């Protein structure tokens, strides 16, 4: 069977899935390859030891409080998971792009309601290579302690 025949058969097979733009099998295969292999995801892990205080900057480690998070490639921040050693914490996270002196581009609220972990899903914060990201902790009640944030980025074309 020639490549031409295989492609024609694949194009003739209908494909319906709300997560894809494609409407035939061949295009769906190409679409999934383009989004899964050539657009990898990568995490950045931030670890802050001790009790957080209002106005603290969250960075790679509590040992490097002045270090901004440096973005390695054009990408989007897609998800965030967080955990800490306390339950029922209440705080906000302010996100600053390219400098702490700029205006926060986003504020995300954490009201854990008895949980010591949580997540933010379906984000689409865009960054270019070598942009910086700073995250400020804003106390809204019980302070987090031994806070860990994992930022999940996805490369974009």
C-alpha atoms as a PDB file:
ATOM      1  CA  UNK A   1       0.000   0.000   0.000  1.00  0.00           C
ATOM      2  CA  UNK A   2       1.484   3.354  -0.956  1.00  0.00           C
ATOM      3  CA  UNK A   3       1.829   6.373   1.343  1.00  0.00           C
ATOM      4  CA  UNK A   4      -0.724   8.167  -0.838  1.00  0.00           C
ATOM      5  CA  UNK A   5      -3.328   5.413  -0.228  1.00  0.00           C
ATOM      6  CA  UNK A   6      -2.710   5.420   3.541  1.00  0.00           C
ATOM      7  CA  UNK A   7      -3.110   9.188   3.693  1.00  0.00           C
ATOM      8  CA  UNK A   8      -6.306   9.109   1.643  1.00  0.00           C
ATOM      9  CA  UNK A   9      -7.783   6.432   3.910  1.00  0.00           C
ATOM     10  CA  UNK A  10      -6.808   8.415   7.018  1.00  0.00           C
ATOM     11  CA  UNK A  11      -8.339  11.583   5.560  1.00  0.00           C
ATOM     12  CA  UNK A  12     -11.580   9.730   4.870  1.00  0.00           C
ATOM     13  CA  UNK A  13     -12.026   8.489   8.461  1.00  0.00           C
ATOM     14  CA  UNK A  14     -14.186  10.980  10.398  1.00  0.00           C
ATOM     15  CA  UNK A  15     -12.839  12.186  13.720  1.00  0.00           C
ATOM     16  CA  UNK A  16     -14.854  14.009  16.377  1.00  0.00           C
ATOM     17  CA  UNK A  17     -13.430  15.076  19.718  1.00  0.00           C
ATOM     18  CA  UNK A  18     -14.083  18.378  21.491  1.00  0.00           C
ATOM     19  CA  UNK A  19     -10.388  18.618  22.442  1.00  0.00           C
ATOM     20  CA  UNK A  20      -9.240  18.647  18.800  1.00  0.00           C
ATOM     21  CA  UNK A  21      -9.820  21.014  15.898  1.00  0.00           C
ATOM     22  CA  UNK A  22      -9.334  18.155  13.428  1.00  0.00           C
ATOM     23  CA  UNK A  23     -12.219  16.460  11.708  1.00  0.00           C
ATOM     24  CA  UNK A  24     -10.378  13.477  10.163  1.00  0.00           C
ATOM     25  CA  UNK A  25      -7.949  10.853  11.488  1.00  0.00           C
ATOM     26  CA  UNK A  26      -4.852  12.096   9.634  1.00  0.00           C
ATOM     27  CA  UNK A  27      -5.212  15.690  10.820  1.00  0.00           C
ATOM     28  CA  UNK A  28      -5.924  14.498  14.388  1.00  0.00           C
ATOM     29  CA  UNK A  29      -2.675  12.507  14.419  1.00  0.00           C
ATOM     30  CA  UNK A  30      -0.700  15.500  13.151  1.00  0.00           C
ATOM     31  CA  UNK A  31      -2.432  17.813  15.649  1.00  0.00           C
ATOM     32  CA  UNK A  32      -1.652  15.524  18.585  1.00  0.00           C
ATOM     33  CA  UNK A  33       2.002  15.243  17.512  1.00  0.00           C
ATOM     34  CA  UNK A  34       2.306  19.031  17.249  1.00  0.00           C
ATOM     35  CA  UNK A  35       0.853  19.636  20.694  1.00  0.00           C
ATOM     36  CA  UNK A  36       2.384  16.761  22.645  1.00  0.00           C
ATOM     37  CA  UNK A  37       5.890  16.300  21.298  1.00  0.00           C
ATOM     38  CA  UNK A  38       6.950  19.657  19.943  1.00  0.00           C
ATOM     39  CA  UNK A  39       5.326  21.641  22.761  1.00  0.00           C
ATOM     40  CA  UNK A  40       6.781  20.151  25.941  1.00  0.00           C
ATOM     41  CA  UNK A  41       5.762  21.055  29.488  1.00  0.00           C
ATOM     42  CA  UNK A  42       8.251  21.761  32.248  1.00  0.00           C
ATOM     43  CA  UNK A  43       7.925  22.460  35.981  1.00  0.00           C
ATOM     44  CA  UNK A  44       9.607  25.094  38.123  1.00  0.00           C
ATOM     45  CA  UNK A  45       9.636  24.208  41.824  1.00  0.00           C
ATOM     46  CA  UNK A  46       9.645  26.939  44.487  1.00  0.00           C
ATOM     47  CA  UNK A  47      10.361  26.028  48.150  1.00  0.00           C
ATOM     48  CA  UNK A  48       9.902  28.516  50.986  1.00  0.00           C
ATOM     49  CA  UNK A  49      10.866  27.234  54.461  1.00  0.00           C
ATOM     50  CA  UNK A  50       9.257  28.616  57.601  1.00  0.00           C
ATOM     51  CA  UNK A  51       6.159  30.723  58.110  1.00  0.00           C
ATOM     52  CA  UNK A  52       5.297  33.116  55.300  1.00  0.00           C
ATOM     53  CA  UNK A  53       4.785  36.785  56.119  1.00  0.00           C
ATOM     54  CA  UNK A  54       2.752  39.411  54.315  1.00  0.00           C
ATOM     55  CA  UNK A  55       4.775  40.832  51.423  1.00  0.00           C
ATOM     56  CA  UNK A  56       7.290  37.951  51.190  1.00  0.00           C
ATOM     57  CA  UNK A  57       8.547  37.154  47.700  1.00  0.00           C
ATOM     58  CA  UNK A  58       8.251  33.527  46.650  1.00  0.00           C
ATOM     59  CA  UNK A  59      11.227  32.381  44.627  1.00  0.00           C
ATOM     60  CA  UNK A  60      13.309  29.265  43.989  1.00  0.00           C
ATOM     61  CA  UNK A  61      14.183  28.940  47.675  1.00  0.00           C
ATOM     62  CA  UNK A  62      13.932  30.878  50.903  1.00  0.00           C
ATOM     63  CA  UNK A  63      17.742  31.080  50.598  1.00  0.00           C
ATOM     64  CA  UNK A  64      17.417  33.289  47.489  1.00  0.00           C
ATOM     65  CA  UNK A  65      14.714  35.856  48.368  1.00  0.00           C
ATOM     66  CA  UNK A  66      15.902  38.406  45.791  1.00  0.00           C
ATOM     67  CA  UNK A  67      16.088  36.034  42.819  1.00  0.00           C
ATOM     68  CA  UNK A  68      13.365  36.392  40.192  1.00  0.00           C
ATOM     69  CA  UNK A  69      12.184  33.294  38.357  1.00  0.00           C
ATOM     70  CA  UNK A  70      13.830  33.386  34.926  1.00  0.00           C
ATOM     71  CA  UNK A  71      11.739  32.007  32.071  1.00  0.00           C
ATOM     72  CA  UNK A  72      13.913  29.877  29.743  1.00  0.00           C
ATOM     73  CA  UNK A  73      11.789  29.852  26.579  1.00  0.00           C
ATOM     74  CA  UNK A  74       8.610  31.231  25.041  1.00  0.00           C
ATOM     75  CA  UNK A  75       5.861  29.539  27.022  1.00  0.00           C
ATOM     76  CA  UNK A  76       2.660  29.821  29.028  1.00  0.00           C
ATOM     77  CA  UNK A  77       2.158  29.226  32.730  1.00  0.00           C
ATOM     78  CA  UNK A  78      -0.619  26.610  32.533  1.00  0.00           C
ATOM     79  CA  UNK A  79      -1.030  25.222  36.065  1.00  0.00           C
ATOM     80  CA  UNK A  80       0.117  25.734  39.642  1.00  0.00           C
ATOM     81  CA  UNK A  81       0.010  23.288  42.523  1.00  0.00           C
ATOM     82  CA  UNK A  82       0.755  24.295  46.092  1.00  0.00           C
ATOM     83  CA  UNK A  83       1.151  22.666  49.478  1.00  0.00           C
ATOM     84  CA  UNK A  84       2.176  23.742  52.950  1.00  0.00           C
ATOM     85  CA  UNK A  85       2.352  22.296  56.479  1.00  0.00           C
ATOM     86  CA  UNK A  86      -0.838  24.029  57.734  1.00  0.00           C
ATOM     87  CA  UNK A  87      -4.522  23.590  57.016  1.00  0.00           C
ATOM     88  CA  UNK A  88      -7.061  26.369  56.528  1.00  0.00           C
ATOM     89  CA  UNK A  89      -4.570  28.873  55.145  1.00  0.00           C
ATOM     90  CA  UNK A  90      -5.769  32.073  53.518  1.00  0.00           C
ATOM     91  CA  UNK A  91      -3.523  34.097  51.246  1.00  0.00           C
ATOM     92  CA  UNK A  92      -3.255  35.680  47.812  1.00  0.00           C
ATOM     93  CA  UNK A  93      -0.487  35.305  45.262  1.00  0.00           C
ATOM     94  CA  UNK A  94       0.342  38.403  43.192  1.00  0.00           C
ATOM     95  CA  UNK A  95       2.150  37.762  39.912  1.00  0.00           C
ATOM     96  CA  UNK A  96       4.587  40.300  38.432  1.00  0.00           C
ATOM     97  CA  UNK A  97       6.140  40.047  34.987  1.00  0.00           C
ATOM     98  CA  UNK A  98       9.578  41.561  34.329  1.00  0.00           C
ATOM     99  CA  UNK A  99      10.140  43.285  37.642  1.00  0.00           C
ATOM    100  CA  UNK A 100       8.837  43.660  41.145  1.00  0.00           C
ATOM    101  CA  UNK A 101       8.291  47.375  40.571  1.00  0.00           C
ATOM    102  CA  UNK A 102       5.694  46.747  37.866  1.00  0.00           C
ATOM    103  CA  UNK A 103       1.947  46.327  38.380  1.00  0.00           C
ATOM    104  CA  UNK A 104       0.784  42.810  39.246  1.00  0.00           C
ATOM    105  CA  UNK A 105      -0.709  41.204  36.146  1.00  0.00           C
ATOM    106  CA  UNK A 106      -2.710  38.629  38.158  1.00  0.00           C
ATOM    107  CA  UNK A 107      -3.818  37.875  41.714  1.00  0.00           C
ATOM    108  CA  UNK A 108      -4.843  34.362  42.647  1.00  0.00           C
ATOM    109  CA  UNK A 109      -6.693  33.668  45.903  1.00  0.00           C
ATOM    110  CA  UNK A 110      -6.010  30.689  48.167  1.00  0.00           C
ATOM    111  CA  UNK A 111      -8.772  29.934  50.663  1.00  0.00           C
ATOM    112  CA  UNK A 112      -8.004  26.344  51.547  1.00  0.00           C
ATOM    113  CA  UNK A 113     -10.994  25.550  53.758  1.00  0.00           C
ATOM    114  CA  UNK A 114      -9.157  22.925  55.769  1.00  0.00           C
ATOM    115  CA  UNK A 115      -6.849  21.611  53.030  1.00  0.00           C
ATOM    116  CA  UNK A 116      -3.075  21.864  53.061  1.00  0.00           C
ATOM    117  CA  UNK A 117      -2.799  21.728  49.274  1.00  0.00           C
ATOM    118  CA  UNK A 118      -4.488  23.038  46.154  1.00  0.00           C
ATOM    119  CA  UNK A 119      -4.163  23.951  42.503  1.00  0.00           C
ATOM    120  CA  UNK A 120      -4.881  26.504  39.819  1.00  0.00           C
ATOM    121  CA  UNK A 121      -5.775  24.995  36.437  1.00  0.00           C
ATOM    122  CA  UNK A 122      -6.362  26.235  32.877  1.00  0.00           C
ATOM    123  CA  UNK A 123      -4.061  29.250  33.144  1.00  0.00           C
ATOM    124  CA  UNK A 124      -2.573  30.927  30.073  1.00  0.00           C
ATOM    125  CA  UNK A 125      -0.032  33.466  31.366  1.00  0.00           C
ATOM    126  CA  UNK A 126       2.256  34.171  28.366  1.00  0.00           C
ATOM    127  CA  UNK A 127       6.031  34.676  28.653  1.00  0.00           C
ATOM    128  CA  UNK A 128       8.916  35.178  26.262  1.00  0.00           C
ATOM    129  CA  UNK A 129      12.386  33.713  26.735  1.00  0.00           C
ATOM    130  CA  UNK A 130      14.304  35.532  29.523  1.00  0.00           C
ATOM    131  CA  UNK A 131      11.207  37.239  30.924  1.00  0.00           C
ATOM    132  CA  UNK A 132      11.160  37.188  34.697  1.00  0.00           C
ATOM    133  CA  UNK A 133       8.366  36.230  37.056  1.00  0.00           C
ATOM    134  CA  UNK A 134       8.024  37.395  40.650  1.00  0.00           C
ATOM    135  CA  UNK A 135       5.355  36.101  43.030  1.00  0.00           C
ATOM    136  CA  UNK A 136       4.372  38.038  46.150  1.00  0.00           C
ATOM    137  CA  UNK A 137       2.688  36.442  49.163  1.00  0.00           C
ATOM    138  CA  UNK A 138      -0.218  38.491  50.547  1.00  0.00           C
ATOM    139  CA  UNK A 139      -1.529  37.319  53.929  1.00  0.00           C
ATOM    140  CA  UNK A 140      -5.318  37.080  54.206  1.00  0.00           C
ATOM    141  CA  UNK A 141      -5.664  35.081  57.431  1.00  0.00           C
ATOM    142  CA  UNK A 142      -3.727  32.043  58.624  1.00  0.00           C
ATOM    143  CA  UNK A 143      -0.215  32.177  57.178  1.00  0.00           C
ATOM    144  CA  UNK A 144       1.191  29.329  55.116  1.00  0.00           C
ATOM    145  CA  UNK A 145       4.229  27.524  56.484  1.00  0.00           C
ATOM    146  CA  UNK A 146       6.835  25.533  54.526  1.00  0.00           C
ATOM    147  CA  UNK A 147       5.142  26.559  51.290  1.00  0.00           C
ATOM    148  CA  UNK A 148       5.900  24.736  48.052  1.00  0.00           C
ATOM    149  CA  UNK A 149       4.635  25.964  44.671  1.00  0.00           C
ATOM    150  CA  UNK A 150       5.100  23.979  41.475  1.00  0.00           C
ATOM    151  CA  UNK A 151       4.606  26.044  38.337  1.00  0.00           C
ATOM    152  CA  UNK A 152       3.833  24.076  35.162  1.00  0.00           C
ATOM    153  CA  UNK A 153       4.798  25.817  31.932  1.00  0.00           C
ATOM    154  CA  UNK A 154       4.102  24.732  28.353  1.00  0.00           C
ATOM    155  CA  UNK A 155       6.329  25.749  25.485  1.00  0.00           C
ATOM    156  CA  UNK A 156       4.562  27.657  22.699  1.00  0.00           C
ATOM    157  CA  UNK A 157       5.589  28.287  19.117  1.00  0.00           C
END
